[in-house]
Protein backbone atom coordinates (compact mmCIF):
# COMPACT_ATOMS: atom_id res chain seq x y z
CA MET A 1 0.00 0.00 0.00
CA LYS A 2 2.80 2.38 0.93
CA PHE A 3 4.66 1.49 -2.26
CA ARG A 4 1.56 2.22 -4.37
CA PHE A 5 1.15 5.57 -2.64
CA PHE A 6 4.81 6.38 -3.34
CA ILE A 7 4.41 5.56 -7.06
CA VAL A 8 1.28 7.72 -7.35
CA ALA A 9 2.96 10.63 -5.57
CA PHE A 10 6.07 10.27 -7.76
CA LEU A 11 4.02 10.30 -10.98
CA LEU A 12 2.04 13.31 -9.72
CA MET A 13 5.28 15.15 -9.03
CA LEU A 14 6.58 14.41 -12.53
CA SER A 15 3.28 15.59 -13.99
CA CYS A 16 3.43 18.87 -12.05
CA GLN A 17 7.02 19.42 -13.08
CA SER A 18 6.08 18.90 -16.70
CA ILE A 19 3.27 21.46 -16.43
CA TRP A 20 5.39 24.09 -14.71
CA ALA A 21 8.29 23.52 -17.08
CA LYS A 22 6.25 25.00 -19.94
CA ILE A 23 6.93 28.66 -20.44
CA GLU A 24 3.89 30.95 -20.38
CA LEU A 25 3.26 34.51 -21.53
CA PRO A 26 0.93 37.17 -20.20
CA ASN A 27 -2.14 37.57 -22.41
CA LEU A 28 -0.91 40.99 -23.53
CA PHE A 29 1.53 39.05 -25.71
CA SER A 30 -0.51 37.48 -28.48
CA ASP A 31 -0.86 37.39 -32.25
CA ASN A 32 -1.77 40.80 -33.76
CA MET A 33 -0.26 42.77 -30.88
CA VAL A 34 1.29 46.22 -31.16
CA ILE A 35 4.56 46.99 -29.37
CA GLN A 36 5.77 50.50 -28.63
CA ARG A 37 8.30 51.73 -31.19
CA ASN A 38 11.80 53.10 -30.49
CA GLU A 39 11.85 51.93 -26.87
CA LYS A 40 13.39 49.44 -24.51
CA VAL A 41 10.37 47.17 -24.21
CA LEU A 42 9.99 44.65 -21.41
CA PHE A 43 9.17 41.04 -22.31
CA TRP A 44 8.19 38.77 -19.45
CA GLY A 45 6.52 35.52 -18.48
CA TRP A 46 6.73 32.37 -16.38
CA GLY A 47 8.53 29.02 -16.55
CA ASN A 48 10.32 26.44 -14.47
CA THR A 49 12.86 27.83 -12.00
CA GLY A 50 16.25 28.19 -13.62
CA GLU A 51 14.85 27.47 -17.09
CA GLU A 52 16.54 29.21 -20.00
CA VAL A 53 14.16 31.12 -22.27
CA THR A 54 15.19 32.18 -25.76
CA VAL A 55 13.37 35.02 -27.46
CA PHE A 56 13.72 35.52 -31.23
CA THR A 57 12.55 38.80 -32.83
CA SER A 58 12.25 38.98 -36.61
CA TRP A 59 12.75 42.74 -36.86
CA ASP A 60 16.45 42.32 -36.06
CA ASN A 61 16.79 38.52 -36.53
CA LYS A 62 18.38 38.22 -33.11
CA GLU A 63 18.05 35.80 -30.22
CA TYR A 64 17.92 36.96 -26.61
CA LYS A 65 18.40 34.58 -23.70
CA VAL A 66 17.31 34.84 -20.07
CA LYS A 67 16.83 32.42 -17.16
CA THR A 68 13.83 32.28 -14.87
CA THR A 69 14.37 33.28 -11.26
CA ILE A 70 13.59 31.32 -8.10
CA ASN A 71 10.01 32.64 -8.26
CA ALA A 72 9.56 31.04 -11.72
CA LYS A 73 9.47 34.38 -13.57
CA TRP A 74 11.61 35.73 -16.36
CA LYS A 75 11.93 39.14 -17.96
CA LEU A 76 14.23 40.94 -20.35
CA GLU A 77 14.35 44.25 -22.19
CA ILE A 78 14.59 44.37 -25.97
CA ASP A 79 15.10 47.44 -28.13
CA THR A 80 12.35 48.04 -30.66
CA PRO A 81 12.88 49.74 -34.02
CA GLU A 82 10.93 52.42 -35.84
CA ALA A 83 7.32 51.58 -36.69
CA GLY A 84 6.75 48.64 -38.99
CA GLY A 85 5.65 45.06 -39.38
CA PRO A 86 4.25 42.54 -39.51
CA TYR A 87 6.87 40.69 -37.48
CA ASN A 88 7.15 37.34 -35.70
CA ILE A 89 8.36 36.68 -32.16
CA THR A 90 9.29 33.22 -30.88
CA PHE A 91 9.65 32.26 -27.21
CA LYS A 92 11.40 28.93 -26.63
CA GLY A 93 11.83 27.09 -23.35
CA ASP A 94 12.97 23.59 -22.38
CA GLU A 95 9.57 22.00 -22.95
CA ASN A 96 7.67 24.20 -25.36
CA GLN A 97 7.77 27.01 -27.86
CA ILE A 98 5.33 29.91 -28.37
CA GLY A 99 5.19 31.78 -31.65
CA LEU A 100 3.49 35.15 -32.15
CA LYS A 101 2.67 36.34 -35.66
CA ASN A 102 1.36 39.51 -37.28
CA VAL A 103 3.07 41.65 -34.62
CA MET A 104 3.32 45.37 -35.36
CA ILE A 105 5.64 48.05 -34.00
CA GLY A 106 3.95 51.41 -33.45
CA GLU A 107 2.20 53.51 -30.81
CA VAL A 108 0.30 51.95 -27.89
CA TRP A 109 -2.34 53.92 -25.96
CA LEU A 110 -4.39 52.97 -22.92
CA ALA A 111 -8.07 54.05 -22.93
CA SER A 112 -9.64 54.06 -19.49
CA GLY A 113 -12.40 55.53 -17.35
CA GLN A 114 -16.10 54.88 -17.20
CA SER A 115 -19.08 54.41 -19.52
CA ASN A 116 -18.41 57.20 -22.02
CA MET A 117 -15.01 55.63 -22.73
CA GLU A 118 -16.42 52.11 -22.69
CA TRP A 119 -19.30 53.05 -25.04
CA SER A 120 -19.20 51.33 -28.42
CA ALA A 121 -21.01 51.74 -31.72
CA THR A 122 -23.51 49.08 -30.62
CA THR A 123 -23.96 49.98 -26.94
CA ASN A 124 -27.65 50.76 -26.35
CA LYS A 125 -28.52 53.47 -28.88
CA GLY A 126 -24.98 53.46 -30.25
CA ILE A 127 -23.16 56.41 -31.81
CA ASP A 128 -23.83 58.92 -34.56
CA ASN A 129 -23.71 57.40 -38.05
CA ALA A 130 -23.06 53.99 -36.49
CA GLU A 131 -23.95 51.83 -39.51
CA GLU A 132 -21.61 53.72 -41.83
CA GLU A 133 -18.78 53.89 -39.28
CA ILE A 134 -18.95 50.15 -38.62
CA LYS A 135 -19.04 49.29 -42.33
CA ASN A 136 -15.91 51.35 -43.03
CA ALA A 137 -13.85 50.19 -40.03
CA ASN A 138 -11.25 48.23 -41.97
CA TYR A 139 -7.92 49.37 -40.54
CA PRO A 140 -5.42 46.49 -40.36
CA ASN A 141 -2.85 48.75 -38.71
CA ILE A 142 -5.14 49.51 -35.77
CA ARG A 143 -5.29 46.78 -33.13
CA PHE A 144 -7.57 46.33 -30.11
CA PHE A 145 -7.07 44.70 -26.72
CA THR A 146 -10.12 44.73 -24.42
CA VAL A 147 -9.45 44.06 -20.75
CA ALA A 148 -12.32 41.97 -19.40
CA ARG A 149 -14.00 43.32 -16.29
CA ARG A 150 -12.19 42.04 -13.23
CA THR A 151 -12.11 43.10 -9.59
CA SER A 152 -9.49 41.98 -7.11
CA ASP A 153 -8.43 42.67 -3.55
CA PHE A 154 -4.80 42.18 -4.58
CA PRO A 155 -2.75 43.25 -7.63
CA GLN A 156 -3.00 40.68 -10.42
CA GLU A 157 -0.13 39.71 -12.73
CA ASN A 158 -2.24 38.73 -15.73
CA ILE A 159 -5.51 39.70 -17.39
CA PRO A 160 -7.77 37.82 -19.80
CA GLY A 161 -7.91 38.96 -23.42
CA SER A 162 -6.09 38.96 -26.74
CA TRP A 163 -5.23 41.41 -29.51
CA GLU A 164 -7.57 41.80 -32.49
CA VAL A 165 -7.18 43.53 -35.83
CA CYS A 166 -9.59 46.42 -36.43
CA THR A 167 -12.43 45.19 -38.67
CA PRO A 168 -16.14 46.02 -38.73
CA ASP A 169 -16.75 43.00 -36.48
CA THR A 170 -14.17 44.01 -33.87
CA MET A 171 -14.70 47.78 -34.03
CA LYS A 172 -18.44 47.63 -33.36
CA ASP A 173 -17.97 46.41 -29.79
CA PHE A 174 -14.84 48.39 -28.95
CA SER A 175 -14.59 51.82 -27.31
CA ALA A 176 -15.85 54.30 -29.91
CA VAL A 177 -13.89 57.24 -28.46
CA ALA A 178 -10.68 55.18 -28.51
CA TYR A 179 -11.35 53.97 -32.06
CA PHE A 180 -11.84 57.50 -33.43
CA PHE A 181 -8.75 58.60 -31.50
CA ALA A 182 -6.69 55.82 -33.08
CA ARG A 183 -8.08 56.35 -36.55
CA ARG A 184 -7.00 60.00 -36.49
CA LEU A 185 -3.53 59.15 -35.12
CA GLN A 186 -3.01 56.35 -37.60
CA GLY A 187 -4.05 58.51 -40.52
CA GLU A 188 -1.78 61.37 -39.51
CA LEU A 189 1.28 59.47 -38.26
CA ASP A 190 1.03 56.52 -40.66
CA VAL A 191 2.15 54.06 -38.00
CA PRO A 192 0.37 51.10 -36.39
CA ILE A 193 -1.74 52.04 -33.36
CA GLY A 194 -2.50 49.66 -30.48
CA LEU A 195 -5.36 50.39 -28.09
CA ILE A 196 -5.85 48.79 -24.68
CA ASP A 197 -9.37 49.45 -23.39
CA ASN A 198 -9.95 48.87 -19.69
CA ALA A 199 -12.92 51.15 -18.93
CA TRP A 200 -15.84 50.23 -16.62
CA GLY A 201 -19.12 52.14 -16.72
CA GLY A 202 -20.11 54.02 -13.57
CA SER A 203 -16.75 53.51 -11.88
CA PRO A 204 -15.43 56.12 -9.42
CA ALA A 205 -11.79 57.17 -9.59
CA GLU A 206 -11.12 55.55 -6.22
CA VAL A 207 -11.35 52.03 -7.66
CA TRP A 208 -8.70 52.87 -10.28
CA THR A 209 -6.25 54.14 -7.65
CA PRO A 210 -3.73 51.81 -5.96
CA LYS A 211 -3.70 51.14 -2.24
CA SER A 212 -0.41 53.02 -1.80
CA VAL A 213 -2.22 56.33 -2.46
CA PHE A 214 -4.76 55.74 0.30
CA ASP A 215 -2.05 54.54 2.67
CA ALA A 216 -0.26 57.86 2.15
CA HIS A 217 -3.29 60.17 2.30
CA GLU A 218 -5.69 59.74 5.20
CA ASP A 219 -8.22 62.22 3.77
CA LEU A 220 -8.50 60.26 0.52
CA LYS A 221 -8.74 57.00 2.44
CA LEU A 222 -11.62 58.27 4.61
CA SER A 223 -13.45 59.62 1.59
CA ALA A 224 -13.01 56.36 -0.33
CA GLU A 225 -14.23 54.27 2.58
CA GLY A 226 -17.46 56.26 2.58
CA LEU A 227 -18.47 55.28 -0.96
CA GLU A 228 -21.95 53.77 -1.18
CA GLU A 229 -22.56 50.53 -3.05
CA THR A 230 -24.01 50.81 -6.55
CA PRO A 231 -25.52 48.23 -8.93
CA TRP A 232 -23.26 49.20 -11.86
CA SER A 233 -19.72 49.37 -10.51
CA PRO A 234 -17.57 48.17 -7.62
CA VAL A 235 -16.71 50.93 -5.16
CA SER A 236 -14.09 49.30 -2.95
CA PRO A 237 -10.86 51.31 -3.27
CA SER A 238 -8.22 49.91 -5.65
CA GLN A 239 -10.31 46.95 -6.88
CA LEU A 240 -10.12 47.86 -10.57
CA TYR A 241 -6.51 48.98 -10.32
CA ASN A 242 -5.70 45.55 -8.90
CA GLY A 243 -7.82 43.65 -11.41
CA MET A 244 -7.50 45.69 -14.60
CA VAL A 245 -4.46 47.99 -14.41
CA HIS A 246 -1.62 46.43 -12.44
CA ALA A 247 -1.01 43.60 -14.92
CA ILE A 248 -0.60 46.11 -17.76
CA THR A 249 2.00 48.29 -16.03
CA PRO A 250 5.11 46.43 -17.31
CA PHE A 251 3.81 46.90 -20.88
CA LYS A 252 5.27 50.00 -22.53
CA ILE A 253 2.65 52.55 -23.62
CA ALA A 254 2.81 55.92 -25.36
CA GLY A 255 0.15 57.46 -23.13
CA THR A 256 -3.35 57.32 -21.67
CA ILE A 257 -6.71 58.78 -22.64
CA TRP A 258 -9.32 59.02 -19.89
CA TYR A 259 -13.03 59.86 -19.68
CA GLN A 260 -14.40 59.78 -16.14
CA GLY A 261 -15.75 62.00 -13.39
CA GLU A 262 -19.51 61.58 -13.32
CA SER A 263 -19.33 59.07 -10.47
CA ASN A 264 -17.22 61.45 -8.37
CA ARG A 265 -19.46 64.48 -8.71
CA GLY A 266 -20.57 64.33 -5.07
CA ARG A 267 -16.94 64.53 -3.90
CA ALA A 268 -15.54 67.43 -5.87
CA ASN A 269 -13.69 68.63 -2.76
CA VAL A 270 -11.29 65.65 -2.94
CA TYR A 271 -11.45 64.79 -6.64
CA GLY A 272 -8.64 67.12 -7.68
CA LYS A 273 -6.19 65.58 -5.23
CA LEU A 274 -7.44 62.05 -5.90
CA PHE A 275 -7.19 62.46 -9.68
CA SER A 276 -3.69 63.93 -9.44
CA GLU A 277 -2.49 61.17 -7.13
CA MET A 278 -4.07 58.49 -9.32
CA ILE A 279 -2.22 59.76 -12.39
CA SER A 280 1.04 60.05 -10.45
CA SER A 281 0.67 56.49 -9.14
CA TRP A 282 0.08 55.12 -12.63
CA ARG A 283 3.16 56.89 -13.93
CA ASN A 284 5.19 55.52 -11.03
CA ALA A 285 3.93 52.00 -11.76
CA TRP A 286 4.91 52.32 -15.42
CA SER A 287 8.15 54.16 -14.55
CA SER A 288 7.18 56.67 -17.21
CA GLU A 289 5.92 60.25 -17.29
CA PHE A 290 3.64 59.38 -20.19
CA PRO A 291 1.08 61.94 -21.43
CA PHE A 292 -2.36 61.76 -19.81
CA TYR A 293 -5.18 63.32 -21.84
CA TYR A 294 -8.68 63.45 -20.44
CA VAL A 295 -12.19 64.56 -21.29
CA GLN A 296 -13.95 67.08 -19.09
CA ILE A 297 -17.35 65.61 -18.24
CA ALA A 298 -20.22 66.99 -20.29
CA PRO A 299 -23.19 69.08 -19.11
CA PHE A 300 -26.03 66.89 -17.86
CA ASN A 301 -29.21 67.44 -15.90
CA TYR A 302 -28.13 65.93 -12.61
CA LYS A 303 -30.68 66.10 -9.81
CA GLU A 304 -28.15 67.65 -7.42
CA PRO A 305 -27.53 71.33 -8.26
CA GLU A 306 -23.97 72.33 -9.25
CA GLN A 307 -22.40 68.89 -8.69
CA GLY A 308 -21.61 68.40 -12.38
CA VAL A 309 -20.15 71.86 -12.93
CA MET A 310 -18.08 71.58 -9.75
CA ILE A 311 -16.34 68.49 -11.11
CA ARG A 312 -15.81 70.23 -14.46
CA ASP A 313 -14.14 73.12 -12.67
CA VAL A 314 -11.90 70.75 -10.69
CA GLN A 315 -10.88 69.04 -13.92
CA ARG A 316 -10.01 72.46 -15.35
CA ARG A 317 -7.97 73.41 -12.29
CA VAL A 318 -5.87 70.25 -12.12
CA LEU A 319 -4.86 70.77 -15.73
CA LYS A 320 -2.41 73.38 -14.42
CA THR A 321 -0.95 71.11 -11.75
CA ILE A 322 -0.53 67.79 -13.58
CA PRO A 323 2.50 67.85 -15.88
CA ASN A 324 2.23 66.46 -19.39
CA SER A 325 -1.56 66.42 -19.27
CA GLY A 326 -4.30 67.81 -21.48
CA MET A 327 -8.07 68.27 -21.34
CA VAL A 328 -10.76 68.49 -23.99
CA VAL A 329 -14.05 70.30 -23.39
CA VAL A 330 -17.18 68.75 -24.91
CA SER A 331 -19.98 71.04 -23.73
CA ASP A 332 -20.90 71.86 -27.34
CA ILE A 333 -21.29 68.23 -28.43
CA ALA A 334 -23.26 66.98 -25.43
CA THR A 335 -26.94 66.49 -24.69
CA ILE A 336 -28.11 67.59 -21.26
CA ASP A 337 -30.84 64.92 -21.14
CA ASP A 338 -28.50 62.00 -21.86
CA ILE A 339 -25.33 61.26 -19.90
CA HIS A 340 -24.05 59.29 -22.90
CA PRO A 341 -23.86 61.70 -25.87
CA THR A 342 -23.78 59.79 -29.16
CA ASN A 343 -21.21 62.09 -30.78
CA LYS A 344 -18.13 60.07 -29.88
CA GLN A 345 -16.24 60.95 -33.05
CA ASP A 346 -15.54 64.57 -32.12
CA VAL A 347 -14.45 63.50 -28.62
CA GLY A 348 -11.94 61.08 -30.11
CA LEU A 349 -10.76 63.65 -32.66
CA ARG A 350 -10.19 66.31 -30.00
CA LEU A 351 -8.18 63.87 -27.90
CA ALA A 352 -6.20 62.85 -30.98
CA ASN A 353 -5.45 66.46 -31.88
CA LEU A 354 -4.14 66.99 -28.35
CA ALA A 355 -1.82 64.01 -28.76
CA LEU A 356 -0.74 65.05 -32.25
CA LYS A 357 0.17 68.52 -31.03
CA GLU A 358 1.60 67.84 -27.58
CA THR A 359 3.10 64.35 -27.97
CA TYR A 360 3.94 64.06 -31.65
CA ASP A 361 4.43 67.71 -32.66
CA SER A 362 2.56 67.07 -35.90
CA TYR A 363 -0.47 69.36 -35.61
CA ASP A 364 -0.33 73.15 -35.85
CA GLY A 365 -3.95 73.93 -34.97
CA GLU A 366 -5.43 75.04 -31.65
CA VAL A 367 -6.41 72.12 -29.40
CA TYR A 368 -7.91 73.99 -26.44
CA GLY A 369 -10.96 76.11 -26.02
CA PRO A 370 -10.62 79.37 -24.04
CA LEU A 371 -9.31 78.67 -20.54
CA PHE A 372 -9.69 81.09 -17.65
CA LYS A 373 -6.38 82.70 -16.71
CA GLU A 374 -7.02 85.60 -14.32
CA VAL A 375 -9.17 88.63 -13.53
CA ASN A 376 -8.36 92.32 -13.38
CA LEU A 377 -10.52 94.41 -11.02
CA GLN A 378 -11.57 97.75 -12.50
CA TRP A 379 -13.83 99.30 -9.86
CA LYS A 380 -17.31 98.94 -11.40
CA LYS A 381 -16.11 96.45 -13.97
CA ILE A 382 -14.04 93.31 -13.99
CA GLU A 383 -11.88 91.94 -16.80
CA VAL A 384 -11.58 88.21 -17.41
CA ILE A 385 -8.44 87.15 -19.28
CA PHE A 386 -8.27 83.83 -21.14
CA ASP A 387 -5.57 81.63 -22.57
CA HIS A 388 -6.19 80.05 -25.98
CA ALA A 389 -8.44 82.99 -26.81
CA ASP A 390 -7.53 83.94 -30.37
CA GLY A 391 -10.74 84.97 -32.14
CA LEU A 392 -12.73 84.97 -28.90
CA MET A 393 -16.42 85.23 -29.73
CA PHE A 394 -19.98 84.56 -28.61
CA THR A 395 -21.88 82.31 -30.98
CA ASP A 396 -25.10 84.04 -29.91
CA LYS A 397 -25.93 86.93 -27.59
CA LYS A 398 -29.02 85.63 -25.82
CA GLU A 399 -27.07 84.86 -22.68
CA SER A 400 -23.41 85.37 -21.76
CA TYR A 401 -23.36 82.75 -18.96
CA PHE A 402 -21.17 85.14 -16.95
CA GLU A 403 -22.01 86.12 -13.37
CA ILE A 404 -20.14 88.44 -11.00
CA ALA A 405 -20.18 88.96 -7.23
CA GLY A 406 -18.97 91.60 -4.83
CA ALA A 407 -17.91 91.37 -1.21
CA ASP A 408 -21.23 89.76 -0.24
CA GLY A 409 -20.48 86.74 -2.43
CA ILE A 410 -23.87 86.86 -4.16
CA PHE A 411 -23.61 86.30 -7.90
CA HIS A 412 -25.66 88.28 -10.43
CA PRO A 413 -25.89 87.96 -14.22
CA ALA A 414 -23.40 90.25 -15.97
CA LYS A 415 -23.32 92.07 -19.27
CA ALA A 416 -20.32 90.91 -21.26
CA LYS A 417 -18.21 92.60 -23.91
CA ILE A 418 -15.31 90.96 -25.71
CA LYS A 419 -12.10 92.88 -26.22
CA GLY A 420 -9.25 90.82 -27.69
CA ASN A 421 -8.58 87.87 -25.39
CA LYS A 422 -10.59 89.50 -22.58
CA VAL A 423 -14.21 89.64 -21.57
CA ILE A 424 -15.25 92.81 -19.71
CA LEU A 425 -18.12 92.35 -17.28
CA ALA A 426 -20.44 94.68 -15.39
CA SER A 427 -23.76 94.52 -13.55
CA LYS A 428 -25.97 97.19 -11.99
CA GLU A 429 -26.43 94.90 -8.97
CA VAL A 430 -22.68 94.68 -8.26
CA LYS A 431 -21.01 98.01 -7.61
CA ALA A 432 -17.51 96.62 -6.97
CA PRO A 433 -17.12 93.13 -8.53
CA LEU A 434 -14.53 90.79 -7.02
CA LYS A 435 -15.35 87.33 -8.36
CA VAL A 436 -16.52 85.80 -11.62
CA ARG A 437 -18.10 82.54 -12.57
CA PHE A 438 -18.96 81.24 -16.01
CA ALA A 439 -21.46 78.58 -17.12
CA TRP A 440 -21.93 77.72 -13.47
CA ASN A 441 -24.76 75.27 -13.93
CA ASN A 442 -25.01 71.53 -14.46
CA ILE A 443 -26.73 71.99 -17.81
CA ALA A 444 -24.97 75.12 -19.10
CA GLU A 445 -23.89 74.78 -22.73
CA PRO A 446 -21.87 77.98 -23.02
CA ASN A 447 -21.65 80.04 -26.18
CA LEU A 448 -18.10 81.39 -25.75
CA PHE A 449 -15.68 79.98 -28.35
CA ASN A 450 -12.33 80.75 -29.95
CA ALA A 451 -11.53 80.91 -33.67
CA ALA A 452 -10.81 77.17 -33.70
CA GLY A 453 -14.47 76.55 -32.85
CA LEU A 454 -13.64 75.12 -29.43
CA PRO A 455 -15.78 76.01 -26.38
CA ALA A 456 -14.68 77.72 -23.17
CA SER A 457 -14.59 75.68 -19.97
CA ALA A 458 -16.83 76.53 -17.06
CA PHE A 459 -14.96 78.16 -14.16
CA ILE A 460 -15.22 80.12 -10.96
CA SER A 461 -12.47 82.58 -9.95
CA GLU A 462 -10.77 82.41 -6.56
C-alpha cells in the first residue's frame, strides 16, 4: 500500500514538473499585438525555475536569452525599431515554444475611465452614423485589446484577453472614443496604433487608484471608505486597479486617454487631489511620465444642483498642476438629457489632436478652447483674461453665462463685452465686482468659443 502511494505521488510530481516547465506569456503578448516603437520594451513571463528562455525577434533577426528566477518568472528588455511590421516573435523554453505572428511596432495607448469611454457603436442606442462607421472600419494597422471586467483585492499579474485587428466585427464592440482617436492618429502618423481598453461604466476614480495612495493620504482614504454601493460598478478602493491595471504596467505605452468624473461628482472637494495622485501612481507604476489626456465631463441634468459643474471646474484646475496632461471640453457636443452623448467621433478627434500637437508635434492647430487665466478688477467692472483665446467670440448673444459677485459673495448675471482675449463684465447689482463665474450650472452649454471653434470651460475665480 505504501509502495503504491509512493508511485502515485512520484508520478504526480513528474506531472506537475512537466506542467510548470512550460513557459507561459501574459495575455498581452498574443498574435496581432502592437509593441511600442523606439523603446526598450519589457518582455516577461513564467517558466520552471532556472529554465533558460530564448526570445527571437524577426525585426532584427536576433536571439535573446534569459533564465527564470527562483520565483519562476523571467523578464528581459529588448530594443524596438521604428514603426513597422508585420513581425514574428518566438519564445522557446525547455519543454515548449510559443510563436506570435502579425506583430506590429507602433504607438500603444491605454483608454480608461467609465461608460463614455467604454461606449461602443452598438452599446444601447450606439453612436452617430453607427452603420456607416462600422461598415468602413477596416484598418489592419489599428489593433484592439479589451481588458475583461475584473475586480481583485490584490494586484493581479495577468488579465484575460487577446489582440484583435480592427475590422467592422471588432470595431463595433470596442470603445468608440478610442477607435476614433486611433483612426485619427493612424491617418496622420502613418504608423500602427495599439489600443488597450480597460474602462468600466459608472466607476469612481477611487477604484482605479492603488492602495499606496490611500495609505499615504488619510483624507483620501476616509473619503473612499465612505463610498456607497451601486448596482453598476464596484466601489471598494483599488479593486479595478488591482484587477484591470496592475497587470498592464510592465507593458510599454505611449500614453493614456481618460473619460471619467460623473461618479465622483458628489466629492468634488477631494477629486482634484485624488485624480492627481491616481495619475502620479500610474506613472510611477509604469516608470514613465507618459502623457495623460482626459475629457472634461459633459453638461447633464443631474438632480443635485452644481455637482456636475463643480467636477468640471476641478478638472479644469488640475490641468495646471498635472505635468504632461491635457483636457478636452465637450460642452458643445453633449446632450443635457443623456449622460451618454452619441457624438463620440468629435471626442476622439479632439483627444487625438491633443496628442498630435503635444506628444507628436505634428499638428499646428489650436487644441484647447478658451481657458480662464485671471481677472483684473476695475472698480465697477471686472476683466476676465483667457488663454487660448484667439478669435474669442460669442456664438449668440441671448445669454453670456457670466455672473459676477462683490464682497457679499452673491452672484448676479453680468453684461459681457469681448475685447481681444478679454471679456469685460459689469452689472448694476454689483457696484464693486470681485469674483466671476462662467457657465456655473449643471446643464450650461456655453456660447463662448475661440476661432478654432472650441468652447470655453466653465470656471469660478478664486
